[in-house]
PDB file of N, CA and C in Angstrom:
ATOM      1  N   UNK A   1     -19.827  12.938  -2.419  1.00  0.00           N
ATOM      2  CA  UNK A   1     -19.782  14.300  -3.008  1.00  0.00           C
ATOM      3  C   UNK A   1     -21.155  14.395  -3.882  1.00  0.00           C
ATOM      4  N   UNK A   2     -21.013  13.639  -4.751  1.00  0.00           N
ATOM      5  CA  UNK A   2     -22.560  13.577  -5.518  1.00  0.00           C
ATOM      6  C   UNK A   2     -23.491  13.488  -4.980  1.00  0.00           C
ATOM      7  N   UNK A   3     -23.702  12.574  -4.026  1.00  0.00           N
ATOM      8  CA  UNK A   3     -24.735  12.377  -3.089  1.00  0.00           C
ATOM      9  C   UNK A   3     -25.114  13.545  -2.364  1.00  0.00           C
ATOM     10  N   UNK A   4     -24.343  14.038  -1.660  1.00  0.00           N
ATOM     11  CA  UNK A   4     -24.393  14.992  -0.871  1.00  0.00           C
ATOM     12  C   UNK A   4     -24.664  16.441  -1.619  1.00  0.00           C
ATOM     13  N   UNK A   5     -24.552  16.545  -3.046  1.00  0.00           N
ATOM     14  CA  UNK A   5     -24.953  17.702  -4.056  1.00  0.00           C
ATOM     15  C   UNK A   5     -26.263  17.570  -4.311  1.00  0.00           C
ATOM     16  N   UNK A   6     -26.423  16.149  -4.398  1.00  0.00           N
ATOM     17  CA  UNK A   6     -27.760  15.903  -4.920  1.00  0.00           C
ATOM     18  C   UNK A   6     -28.913  16.203  -3.884  1.00  0.00           C
ATOM     19  N   UNK A   7     -28.603  15.917  -2.549  1.00  0.00           N
ATOM     20  CA  UNK A   7     -29.400  16.092  -1.467  1.00  0.00           C
ATOM     21  C   UNK A   7     -29.623  17.697  -1.185  1.00  0.00           C
ATOM     22  N   UNK A   8     -28.630  18.597  -1.384  1.00  0.00           N
ATOM     23  CA  UNK A   8     -28.895  19.740  -0.728  1.00  0.00           C
ATOM     24  C   UNK A   8     -29.730  20.434  -2.337  1.00  0.00           C
ATOM     25  N   UNK A   9     -29.632  19.771  -3.364  1.00  0.00           N
ATOM     26  CA  UNK A   9     -30.291  20.249  -4.625  1.00  0.00           C
ATOM     27  C   UNK A   9     -31.790  19.947  -4.467  1.00  0.00           C
ATOM     28  N   UNK A  10     -31.907  19.048  -3.930  1.00  0.00           N
ATOM     29  CA  UNK A  10     -33.198  18.216  -3.791  1.00  0.00           C
ATOM     30  C   UNK A  10     -33.821  18.205  -2.694  1.00  0.00           C
ATOM     31  N   UNK A  11     -33.428  19.256  -1.612  1.00  0.00           N
ATOM     32  CA  UNK A  11     -33.815  19.434  -0.159  1.00  0.00           C
ATOM     33  C   UNK A  11     -35.436  19.474   0.180  1.00  0.00           C
ATOM     34  N   UNK A  12     -35.808  20.570  -0.887  1.00  0.00           N
ATOM     35  CA  UNK A  12     -37.269  20.607  -0.837  1.00  0.00           C
ATOM     36  C   UNK A  12     -38.200  19.357  -0.897  1.00  0.00           C
ATOM     37  N   UNK A  13     -37.657  18.639  -2.234  1.00  0.00           N
ATOM     38  CA  UNK A  13     -38.572  17.642  -2.694  1.00  0.00           C
ATOM     39  C   UNK A  13     -38.201  16.378  -1.638  1.00  0.00           C
ATOM     40  N   UNK A  14     -37.264  16.202  -1.125  1.00  0.00           N
ATOM     41  CA  UNK A  14     -36.808  15.502  -0.196  1.00  0.00           C
ATOM     42  C   UNK A  14     -37.548  15.552   1.038  1.00  0.00           C
ATOM     43  N   UNK A  15     -37.740  16.501   1.650  1.00  0.00           N
ATOM     44  CA  UNK A  15     -38.533  17.201   2.914  1.00  0.00           C
ATOM     45  C   UNK A  15     -40.132  16.727   2.821  1.00  0.00           C
ATOM     46  N   UNK A  16     -40.570  17.098   1.589  1.00  0.00           N
ATOM     47  CA  UNK A  16     -41.847  16.765   0.987  1.00  0.00           C
ATOM     48  C   UNK A  16     -42.396  15.304   1.080  1.00  0.00           C
ATOM     49  N   UNK A  17     -41.385  14.546   0.560  1.00  0.00           N
ATOM     50  CA  UNK A  17     -41.602  13.149   0.413  1.00  0.00           C
ATOM     51  C   UNK A  17     -41.195  12.279   1.665  1.00  0.00           C
ATOM     52  N   UNK A  18     -40.302  12.808   2.593  1.00  0.00           N
ATOM     53  CA  UNK A  18     -40.045  12.019   3.714  1.00  0.00           C
ATOM     54  C   UNK A  18     -38.848  10.996   3.213  1.00  0.00           C
ATOM     55  N   UNK A  19     -37.805  11.485   2.372  1.00  0.00           N
ATOM     56  CA  UNK A  19     -36.845  10.600   1.978  1.00  0.00           C
ATOM     57  C   UNK A  19     -35.413  10.663   2.693  1.00  0.00           C
ATOM     58  N   UNK A  20     -35.784  11.580   3.695  1.00  0.00           N
ATOM     59  CA  UNK A  20     -34.233  11.928   4.610  1.00  0.00           C
ATOM     60  C   UNK A  20     -33.570  10.846   5.075  1.00  0.00           C
ATOM     61  N   UNK A  21     -34.694   9.781   5.695  1.00  0.00           N
ATOM     62  CA  UNK A  21     -33.572   8.763   6.209  1.00  0.00           C
ATOM     63  C   UNK A  21     -33.077   7.757   4.968  1.00  0.00           C
ATOM     64  N   UNK A  22     -33.705   7.480   4.079  1.00  0.00           N
ATOM     65  CA  UNK A  22     -33.183   6.675   2.779  1.00  0.00           C
ATOM     66  C   UNK A  22     -32.023   7.290   2.292  1.00  0.00           C
ATOM     67  N   UNK A  23     -32.121   8.840   2.633  1.00  0.00           N
ATOM     68  CA  UNK A  23     -30.687   9.455   1.954  1.00  0.00           C
ATOM     69  C   UNK A  23     -29.392   9.327   2.649  1.00  0.00           C
ATOM     70  N   UNK A  24     -29.919   9.450   3.854  1.00  0.00           N
ATOM     71  CA  UNK A  24     -28.852   9.535   4.935  1.00  0.00           C
ATOM     72  C   UNK A  24     -28.228   8.098   4.923  1.00  0.00           C
ATOM     73  N   UNK A  25     -28.869   6.915   4.523  1.00  0.00           N
ATOM     74  CA  UNK A  25     -28.532   5.552   4.591  1.00  0.00           C
ATOM     75  C   UNK A  25     -27.619   5.741   3.532  1.00  0.00           C
ATOM     76  N   UNK A  26     -27.734   6.037   2.308  1.00  0.00           N
ATOM     77  CA  UNK A  26     -26.891   6.019   1.177  1.00  0.00           C
ATOM     78  C   UNK A  26     -25.594   6.707   1.393  1.00  0.00           C
ATOM     79  N   UNK A  27     -25.757   7.785   2.119  1.00  0.00           N
ATOM     80  CA  UNK A  27     -24.803   8.741   2.244  1.00  0.00           C
ATOM     81  C   UNK A  27     -23.888   8.072   2.919  1.00  0.00           C
ATOM     82  N   UNK A  28     -24.054   7.451   4.274  1.00  0.00           N
ATOM     83  CA  UNK A  28     -23.395   6.723   5.348  1.00  0.00           C
ATOM     84  C   UNK A  28     -22.718   5.360   4.677  1.00  0.00           C
ATOM     85  N   UNK A  29     -23.623   4.675   3.730  1.00  0.00           N
ATOM     86  CA  UNK A  29     -23.180   3.570   3.284  1.00  0.00           C
ATOM     87  C   UNK A  29     -21.891   4.135   2.101  1.00  0.00           C
ATOM     88  N   UNK A  30     -22.052   4.789   1.466  1.00  0.00           N
ATOM     89  CA  UNK A  30     -21.108   5.411   0.727  1.00  0.00           C
ATOM     90  C   UNK A  30     -19.663   5.999   1.450  1.00  0.00           C
ATOM     91  N   UNK A  31     -19.907   6.727   2.617  1.00  0.00           N
ATOM     92  CA  UNK A  31     -18.787   6.939   3.068  1.00  0.00           C
ATOM     93  C   UNK A  31     -18.164   5.952   3.905  1.00  0.00           C
ATOM     94  N   UNK A  32     -18.769   4.940   4.076  1.00  0.00           N
ATOM     95  CA  UNK A  32     -18.308   3.607   4.907  1.00  0.00           C
ATOM     96  C   UNK A  32     -17.314   2.948   3.768  1.00  0.00           C
ATOM     97  N   UNK A  33     -17.702   2.879   2.519  1.00  0.00           N
ATOM     98  CA  UNK A  33     -17.182   2.218   1.316  1.00  0.00           C
ATOM     99  C   UNK A  33     -15.734   2.914   1.368  1.00  0.00           C
ATOM    100  N   UNK A  34     -15.993   4.295   1.219  1.00  0.00           N
ATOM    101  CA  UNK A  34     -14.682   5.030   1.011  1.00  0.00           C
ATOM    102  C   UNK A  34     -13.736   4.875   2.307  1.00  0.00           C
ATOM    103  N   UNK A  35     -14.271   4.961   3.323  1.00  0.00           N
ATOM    104  CA  UNK A  35     -13.284   4.559   4.575  1.00  0.00           C
ATOM    105  C   UNK A  35     -12.491   3.143   4.481  1.00  0.00           C
ATOM    106  N   UNK A  36     -13.338   2.444   4.115  1.00  0.00           N
ATOM    107  CA  UNK A  36     -12.643   1.075   3.725  1.00  0.00           C
ATOM    108  C   UNK A  36     -11.419   0.937   2.819  1.00  0.00           C
ATOM    109  N   UNK A  37     -11.728   1.769   1.726  1.00  0.00           N
ATOM    110  CA  UNK A  37     -10.979   2.042   0.737  1.00  0.00           C
ATOM    111  C   UNK A  37      -9.486   2.538   1.002  1.00  0.00           C
ATOM    112  N   UNK A  38     -10.000   3.491   1.793  1.00  0.00           N
ATOM    113  CA  UNK A  38      -8.642   4.522   2.365  1.00  0.00           C
ATOM    114  C   UNK A  38      -7.758   3.797   3.557  1.00  0.00           C
ATOM    115  N   UNK A  39      -8.441   3.010   4.445  1.00  0.00           N
ATOM    116  CA  UNK A  39      -8.005   1.953   5.359  1.00  0.00           C
ATOM    117  C   UNK A  39      -7.062   0.825   4.436  1.00  0.00           C
ATOM    118  N   UNK A  40      -7.450   0.106   3.663  1.00  0.00           N
ATOM    119  CA  UNK A  40      -6.912  -0.751   2.842  1.00  0.00           C
ATOM    120  C   UNK A  40      -5.630  -0.198   1.934  1.00  0.00           C
ATOM    121  N   UNK A  41      -5.910   0.777   1.645  1.00  0.00           N
ATOM    122  CA  UNK A  41      -4.723   1.608   0.890  1.00  0.00           C
ATOM    123  C   UNK A  41      -3.634   1.935   1.895  1.00  0.00           C
ATOM    124  N   UNK A  42      -3.967   2.496   3.009  1.00  0.00           N
ATOM    125  CA  UNK A  42      -2.840   2.646   4.153  1.00  0.00           C
ATOM    126  C   UNK A  42      -2.191   1.580   4.647  1.00  0.00           C
ATOM    127  N   UNK A  43      -3.071   0.649   4.514  1.00  0.00           N
ATOM    128  CA  UNK A  43      -2.381  -0.854   5.040  1.00  0.00           C
ATOM    129  C   UNK A  43      -1.136  -1.417   4.177  1.00  0.00           C
ATOM    130  N   UNK A  44      -1.626  -1.129   2.997  1.00  0.00           N
ATOM    131  CA  UNK A  44      -0.633  -1.453   1.768  1.00  0.00           C
ATOM    132  C   UNK A  44       0.523  -0.438   1.791  1.00  0.00           C
ATOM    133  N   UNK A  45       0.301   0.463   2.220  1.00  0.00           N
ATOM    134  CA  UNK A  45       1.472   1.662   2.191  1.00  0.00           C
ATOM    135  C   UNK A  45       2.454   1.180   3.106  1.00  0.00           C
ATOM    136  N   UNK A  46       1.798   1.212   4.624  1.00  0.00           N
ATOM    137  CA  UNK A  46       2.695   0.510   5.492  1.00  0.00           C
ATOM    138  C   UNK A  46       3.376  -0.819   5.338  1.00  0.00           C
ATOM    139  N   UNK A  47       2.701  -1.431   4.602  1.00  0.00           N
ATOM    140  CA  UNK A  47       3.354  -2.630   4.382  1.00  0.00           C
ATOM    141  C   UNK A  47       4.586  -2.567   3.329  1.00  0.00           C
ATOM    142  N   UNK A  48       4.301  -1.791   2.298  1.00  0.00           N
ATOM    143  CA  UNK A  48       5.235  -1.420   1.347  1.00  0.00           C
ATOM    144  C   UNK A  48       6.647  -0.608   2.248  1.00  0.00           C
ATOM    145  N   UNK A  49       6.297   0.201   3.166  1.00  0.00           N
ATOM    146  CA  UNK A  49       6.975   0.870   3.927  1.00  0.00           C
ATOM    147  C   UNK A  49       8.028   0.121   4.765  1.00  0.00           C
ATOM    148  N   UNK A  50       7.504  -0.979   5.497  1.00  0.00           N
ATOM    149  CA  UNK A  50       8.080  -1.942   6.207  1.00  0.00           C
ATOM    150  C   UNK A  50       8.934  -2.635   5.382  1.00  0.00           C
ATOM    151  N   UNK A  51       8.467  -3.335   4.304  1.00  0.00           N
ATOM    152  CA  UNK A  51       9.366  -4.097   3.285  1.00  0.00           C
ATOM    153  C   UNK A  51      10.753  -3.171   2.986  1.00  0.00           C
ATOM    154  N   UNK A  52      10.458  -1.807   2.547  1.00  0.00           N
ATOM    155  CA  UNK A  52      11.407  -1.047   2.045  1.00  0.00           C
ATOM    156  C   UNK A  52      12.861  -0.889   3.320  1.00  0.00           C
ATOM    157  N   UNK A  53      12.204  -0.768   4.244  1.00  0.00           N
ATOM    158  CA  UNK A  53      13.363  -0.923   5.494  1.00  0.00           C
ATOM    159  C   UNK A  53      13.867  -2.012   6.077  1.00  0.00           C
ATOM    160  N   UNK A  54      12.969  -3.225   5.908  1.00  0.00           N
ATOM    161  CA  UNK A  54      13.489  -4.490   6.118  1.00  0.00           C
ATOM    162  C   UNK A  54      14.382  -5.077   5.205  1.00  0.00           C
ATOM    163  N   UNK A  55      13.916  -4.861   3.844  1.00  0.00           N
ATOM    164  CA  UNK A  55      14.615  -5.694   2.707  1.00  0.00           C
ATOM    165  C   UNK A  55      16.360  -5.673   2.627  1.00  0.00           C
ATOM    166  N   UNK A  56      16.790  -4.473   2.770  1.00  0.00           N
ATOM    167  CA  UNK A  56      18.293  -4.163   2.903  1.00  0.00           C
ATOM    168  C   UNK A  56      18.980  -5.050   4.020  1.00  0.00           C
ATOM    169  N   UNK A  57      18.618  -4.853   5.201  1.00  0.00           N
ATOM    170  CA  UNK A  57      19.116  -5.857   6.081  1.00  0.00           C
ATOM    171  C   UNK A  57      19.166  -7.472   5.971  1.00  0.00           C
ATOM    172  N   UNK A  58      17.942  -7.665   5.744  1.00  0.00           N
ATOM    173  CA  UNK A  58      17.353  -9.263   5.506  1.00  0.00           C
ATOM    174  C   UNK A  58      18.190  -9.729   4.522  1.00  0.00           C
ATOM    175  N   UNK A  59      18.185  -9.067   3.484  1.00  0.00           N
ATOM    176  CA  UNK A  59      18.586  -9.760   2.020  1.00  0.00           C
ATOM    177  C   UNK A  59      20.182  -9.736   2.193  1.00  0.00           C
ATOM    178  N   UNK A  60      20.842  -8.701   2.704  1.00  0.00           N
ATOM    179  CA  UNK A  60      22.242  -8.479   2.702  1.00  0.00           C
ATOM    180  C   UNK A  60      22.920  -9.624   3.770  1.00  0.00           C
ATOM    181  N   UNK A  61      22.132  -9.800   4.969  1.00  0.00           N
ATOM    182  CA  UNK A  61      22.587 -10.666   5.743  1.00  0.00           C
ATOM    183  C   UNK A  61      22.362 -12.029   5.412  1.00  0.00           C
ATOM    184  N   UNK A  62      21.357 -12.585   4.741  1.00  0.00           N
ATOM    185  CA  UNK A  62      21.207 -13.834   4.212  1.00  0.00           C
ATOM    186  C   UNK A  62      22.197 -13.941   3.284  1.00  0.00           C
ATOM    187  N   UNK A  63      22.458 -13.317   2.279  1.00  0.00           N
ATOM    188  CA  UNK A  63      23.473 -13.442   1.401  1.00  0.00           C
ATOM    189  C   UNK A  63      25.035 -13.807   2.087  1.00  0.00           C
ATOM    190  N   UNK A  64      25.222 -12.825   3.139  1.00  0.00           N
ATOM    191  CA  UNK A  64      26.681 -13.034   3.608  1.00  0.00           C
ATOM    192  C   UNK A  64      26.586 -14.291   4.553  1.00  0.00           C
ATOM    193  N   UNK A  65      25.690 -14.834   4.966  1.00  0.00           N
ATOM    194  CA  UNK A  65      25.585 -15.710   5.926  1.00  0.00           C
ATOM    195  C   UNK A  65      25.544 -17.184   5.066  1.00  0.00           C
ATOM    196  N   UNK A  66      24.828 -17.047   3.965  1.00  0.00           N
ATOM    197  CA  UNK A  66      25.136 -17.993   3.034  1.00  0.00           C
ATOM    198  C   UNK A  66      26.557 -18.365   2.458  1.00  0.00           C
ATOM    199  N   UNK A  67      27.199 -17.286   2.127  1.00  0.00           N
ATOM    200  CA  UNK A  67      28.530 -16.999   1.501  1.00  0.00           C
ATOM    201  C   UNK A  67      29.319 -17.787   2.521  1.00  0.00           C
ATOM    202  N   UNK A  68      29.483 -17.141   3.785  1.00  0.00           N
ATOM    203  CA  UNK A  68      30.097 -17.620   4.710  1.00  0.00           C
ATOM    204  C   UNK A  68      30.055 -19.029   5.450  1.00  0.00           C
ATOM    205  N   UNK A  69      28.903 -19.398   5.708  1.00  0.00           N
ATOM    206  CA  UNK A  69      28.608 -20.666   6.361  1.00  0.00           C
ATOM    207  C   UNK A  69      28.082 -21.957   5.654  1.00  0.00           C
ATOM    208  N   UNK A  70      27.333 -21.521   4.144  1.00  0.00           N
ATOM    209  CA  UNK A  70      27.056 -22.653   3.608  1.00  0.00           C
ATOM    210  C   UNK A  70      28.119 -23.007   2.530  1.00  0.00           C
ATOM    211  N   UNK A  71      28.456 -22.022   1.703  1.00  0.00           N
ATOM    212  CA  UNK A  71      29.404 -22.081   0.646  1.00  0.00           C
ATOM    213  C   UNK A  71      30.983 -22.139   1.081  1.00  0.00           C
ATOM    214  N   UNK A  72      31.076 -21.903   2.434  1.00  0.00           N
ATOM    215  CA  UNK A  72      32.643 -21.704   2.989  1.00  0.00           C
ATOM    216  C   UNK A  72      33.387 -20.622   2.136  1.00  0.00           C
ATOM    217  N   UNK A  73      32.836 -19.628   1.873  1.00  0.00           N
ATOM    218  CA  UNK A  73      33.260 -18.459   1.208  1.00  0.00           C
ATOM    219  C   UNK A  73      34.038 -17.291   2.173  1.00  0.00           C
ATOM    220  N   UNK A  74      34.679 -16.457   1.664  1.00  0.00           N
ATOM    221  CA  UNK A  74      35.674 -15.391   2.554  1.00  0.00           C
ATOM    222  C   UNK A  74      34.840 -14.231   1.931  1.00  0.00           C
ATOM    223  N   UNK A  75      34.668 -13.350   3.029  1.00  0.00           N
ATOM    224  CA  UNK A  75      33.992 -12.152   2.632  1.00  0.00           C
ATOM    225  C   UNK A  75      35.322 -11.043   2.246  1.00  0.00           C
ATOM    226  N   UNK A  76      35.232 -10.654   1.021  1.00  0.00           N
ATOM    227  CA  UNK A  76      36.150  -9.762   0.784  1.00  0.00           C
ATOM    228  C   UNK A  76      35.594  -8.373   0.531  1.00  0.00           C
ATOM    229  N   UNK A  77      36.236  -7.213   0.585  1.00  0.00           N
ATOM    230  CA  UNK A  77      35.584  -6.035   0.650  1.00  0.00           C
ATOM    231  C   UNK A  77      34.683  -5.684  -0.656  1.00  0.00           C
ATOM    232  N   UNK A  78      35.568  -6.079  -1.803  1.00  0.00           N
ATOM    233  CA  UNK A  78      35.085  -5.923  -3.083  1.00  0.00           C
ATOM    234  C   UNK A  78      33.410  -6.537  -3.117  1.00  0.00           C
ATOM    235  N   UNK A  79      33.255  -7.648  -2.637  1.00  0.00           N
ATOM    236  CA  UNK A  79      32.241  -8.401  -2.737  1.00  0.00           C
ATOM    237  C   UNK A  79      31.359  -8.079  -1.883  1.00  0.00           C
ATOM    238  N   UNK A  80      31.497  -7.422  -0.924  1.00  0.00           N
ATOM    239  CA  UNK A  80      30.703  -6.802   0.441  1.00  0.00           C
ATOM    240  C   UNK A  80      30.072  -5.602  -0.495  1.00  0.00           C
ATOM    241  N   UNK A  81      30.919  -4.717  -0.937  1.00  0.00           N
ATOM    242  CA  UNK A  81      30.475  -3.526  -1.503  1.00  0.00           C
ATOM    243  C   UNK A  81      29.376  -3.834  -2.796  1.00  0.00           C
ATOM    244  N   UNK A  82      29.988  -4.914  -3.618  1.00  0.00           N
ATOM    245  CA  UNK A  82      29.011  -5.206  -4.870  1.00  0.00           C
ATOM    246  C   UNK A  82      27.681  -5.583  -4.487  1.00  0.00           C
ATOM    247  N   UNK A  83      27.734  -6.648  -3.323  1.00  0.00           N
ATOM    248  CA  UNK A  83      26.597  -7.070  -2.941  1.00  0.00           C
ATOM    249  C   UNK A  83      25.639  -5.829  -2.417  1.00  0.00           C
ATOM    250  N   UNK A  84      26.096  -5.000  -1.576  1.00  0.00           N
ATOM    251  CA  UNK A  84      25.116  -4.111  -0.772  1.00  0.00           C
ATOM    252  C   UNK A  84      24.970  -2.889  -2.131  1.00  0.00           C
ATOM    253  N   UNK A  85      25.618  -2.961  -3.199  1.00  0.00           N
ATOM    254  CA  UNK A  85      25.085  -1.984  -4.082  1.00  0.00           C
ATOM    255  C   UNK A  85      23.727  -2.454  -4.823  1.00  0.00           C
ATOM    256  N   UNK A  86      24.002  -3.850  -5.237  1.00  0.00           N
ATOM    257  CA  UNK A  86      22.992  -4.828  -5.906  1.00  0.00           C
ATOM    258  C   UNK A  86      21.708  -4.931  -4.980  1.00  0.00           C
ATOM    259  N   UNK A  87      22.075  -5.221  -3.716  1.00  0.00           N
ATOM    260  CA  UNK A  87      21.000  -5.081  -2.517  1.00  0.00           C
ATOM    261  C   UNK A  87      19.912  -3.752  -2.680  1.00  0.00           C
ATOM    262  N   UNK A  88      20.650  -2.814  -2.739  1.00  0.00           N
ATOM    263  CA  UNK A  88      20.159  -1.335  -2.764  1.00  0.00           C
ATOM    264  C   UNK A  88      19.268  -1.324  -3.912  1.00  0.00           C
ATOM    265  N   UNK A  89      19.901  -1.587  -5.259  1.00  0.00           N
ATOM    266  CA  UNK A  89      19.021  -1.710  -6.401  1.00  0.00           C
ATOM    267  C   UNK A  89      17.764  -2.400  -6.013  1.00  0.00           C
ATOM    268  N   UNK A  90      17.851  -3.789  -5.603  1.00  0.00           N
ATOM    269  CA  UNK A  90      16.811  -4.573  -5.454  1.00  0.00           C
ATOM    270  C   UNK A  90      15.418  -4.159  -4.324  1.00  0.00           C
ATOM    271  N   UNK A  91      16.124  -3.460  -3.389  1.00  0.00           N
ATOM    272  CA  UNK A  91      15.386  -2.550  -2.404  1.00  0.00           C
ATOM    273  C   UNK A  91      14.514  -1.689  -2.997  1.00  0.00           C
ATOM    274  N   UNK A  92      15.041  -0.759  -3.832  1.00  0.00           N
ATOM    275  CA  UNK A  92      14.273   0.351  -4.493  1.00  0.00           C
ATOM    276  C   UNK A  92      13.451  -0.325  -5.625  1.00  0.00           C
ATOM    277  N   UNK A  93      13.697  -1.259  -6.435  1.00  0.00           N
ATOM    278  CA  UNK A  93      12.927  -2.006  -7.404  1.00  0.00           C
ATOM    279  C   UNK A  93      11.605  -2.600  -6.699  1.00  0.00           C
ATOM    280  N   UNK A  94      12.178  -3.442  -5.816  1.00  0.00           N
ATOM    281  CA  UNK A  94      11.054  -4.293  -5.430  1.00  0.00           C
ATOM    282  C   UNK A  94      10.047  -3.597  -4.971  1.00  0.00           C
ATOM    283  N   UNK A  95      10.289  -2.430  -3.879  1.00  0.00           N
ATOM    284  CA  UNK A  95       9.305  -1.784  -3.326  1.00  0.00           C
ATOM    285  C   UNK A  95       8.425  -0.726  -4.218  1.00  0.00           C
ATOM    286  N   UNK A  96       8.989  -0.407  -5.264  1.00  0.00           N
ATOM    287  CA  UNK A  96       8.608   0.522  -6.269  1.00  0.00           C
ATOM    288  C   UNK A  96       7.697  -0.262  -7.035  1.00  0.00           C
ATOM    289  N   UNK A  97       8.124  -1.444  -7.552  1.00  0.00           N
ATOM    290  CA  UNK A  97       6.970  -2.425  -8.096  1.00  0.00           C
ATOM    291  C   UNK A  97       5.897  -3.059  -7.330  1.00  0.00           C
ATOM    292  N   UNK A  98       6.223  -3.302  -6.458  1.00  0.00           N
ATOM    293  CA  UNK A  98       5.428  -3.783  -5.585  1.00  0.00           C
ATOM    294  C   UNK A  98       4.139  -2.933  -5.044  1.00  0.00           C
ATOM    295  N   UNK A  99       4.546  -1.729  -4.883  1.00  0.00           N
ATOM    296  CA  UNK A  99       3.698  -0.453  -4.575  1.00  0.00           C
ATOM    297  C   UNK A  99       2.851  -0.266  -5.744  1.00  0.00           C
ATOM    298  N   UNK A 100       3.445  -0.188  -6.842  1.00  0.00           N
ATOM    299  CA  UNK A 100       2.574  -0.145  -7.999  1.00  0.00           C
ATOM    300  C   UNK A 100       1.569  -1.227  -8.378  1.00  0.00           C
ATOM    301  N   UNK A 101       1.830  -2.456  -8.239  1.00  0.00           N
ATOM    302  CA  UNK A 101       1.176  -3.448  -8.399  1.00  0.00           C
ATOM    303  C   UNK A 101       0.152  -3.492  -7.295  1.00  0.00           C
ATOM    304  N   UNK A 102       0.228  -3.295  -6.215  1.00  0.00           N
ATOM    305  CA  UNK A 102      -1.002  -3.068  -5.318  1.00  0.00           C
ATOM    306  C   UNK A 102      -1.771  -1.770  -5.452  1.00  0.00           C
ATOM    307  N   UNK A 103      -1.543  -0.971  -5.954  1.00  0.00           N
ATOM    308  CA  UNK A 103      -2.340   0.236  -6.296  1.00  0.00           C
ATOM    309  C   UNK A 103      -3.024  -0.013  -7.413  1.00  0.00           C
ATOM    310  N   UNK A 104      -2.686  -0.545  -8.473  1.00  0.00           N
ATOM    311  CA  UNK A 104      -3.208  -1.186  -9.398  1.00  0.00           C
ATOM    312  C   UNK A 104      -4.321  -2.096  -9.431  1.00  0.00           C
ATOM    313  N   UNK A 105      -3.993  -3.211  -8.460  1.00  0.00           N
ATOM    314  CA  UNK A 105      -4.996  -4.173  -7.893  1.00  0.00           C
ATOM    315  C   UNK A 105      -6.462  -3.413  -7.287  1.00  0.00           C
ATOM    316  N   UNK A 106      -5.899  -2.454  -6.428  1.00  0.00           N
ATOM    317  CA  UNK A 106      -6.847  -1.735  -5.610  1.00  0.00           C
ATOM    318  C   UNK A 106      -7.767  -0.737  -6.471  1.00  0.00           C
ATOM    319  N   UNK A 107      -7.371  -0.405  -7.555  1.00  0.00           N
ATOM    320  CA  UNK A 107      -8.109   0.378  -8.685  1.00  0.00           C
ATOM    321  C   UNK A 107      -9.283  -0.496  -9.296  1.00  0.00           C
ATOM    322  N   UNK A 108      -8.760  -1.969  -9.674  1.00  0.00           N
ATOM    323  CA  UNK A 108      -9.418  -2.587 -10.306  1.00  0.00           C
ATOM    324  C   UNK A 108     -10.630  -3.174  -9.612  1.00  0.00           C
ATOM    325  N   UNK A 109     -10.459  -2.936  -8.316  1.00  0.00           N
ATOM    326  CA  UNK A 109     -11.344  -3.959  -7.566  1.00  0.00           C
ATOM    327  C   UNK A 109     -12.625  -2.858  -7.014  1.00  0.00           C
TER     328      UNK A 109
END
């Protein structure tokens, strides 16, 4: 926006000096960088959303499979509900902190 406002303010000087092409290149480069950043942020958001929906099923299934087949345990209703509650907390915290970390990293670059 800053480059566009500068171009509008200095349009007369720009026309007289023949700087239209140079300014257009600068504006297009700035827009291209902005589009890349937006695409990067959208990919990160999509990854975070995917992890949010997959985490619950994958982690809980893995825990139950290990409990039954590896450790020869028996699934009890009390244990199942406890594990599902803890996995729900894990799901929320993991996706929240991962997205915050990704956003901070993108702001630093």
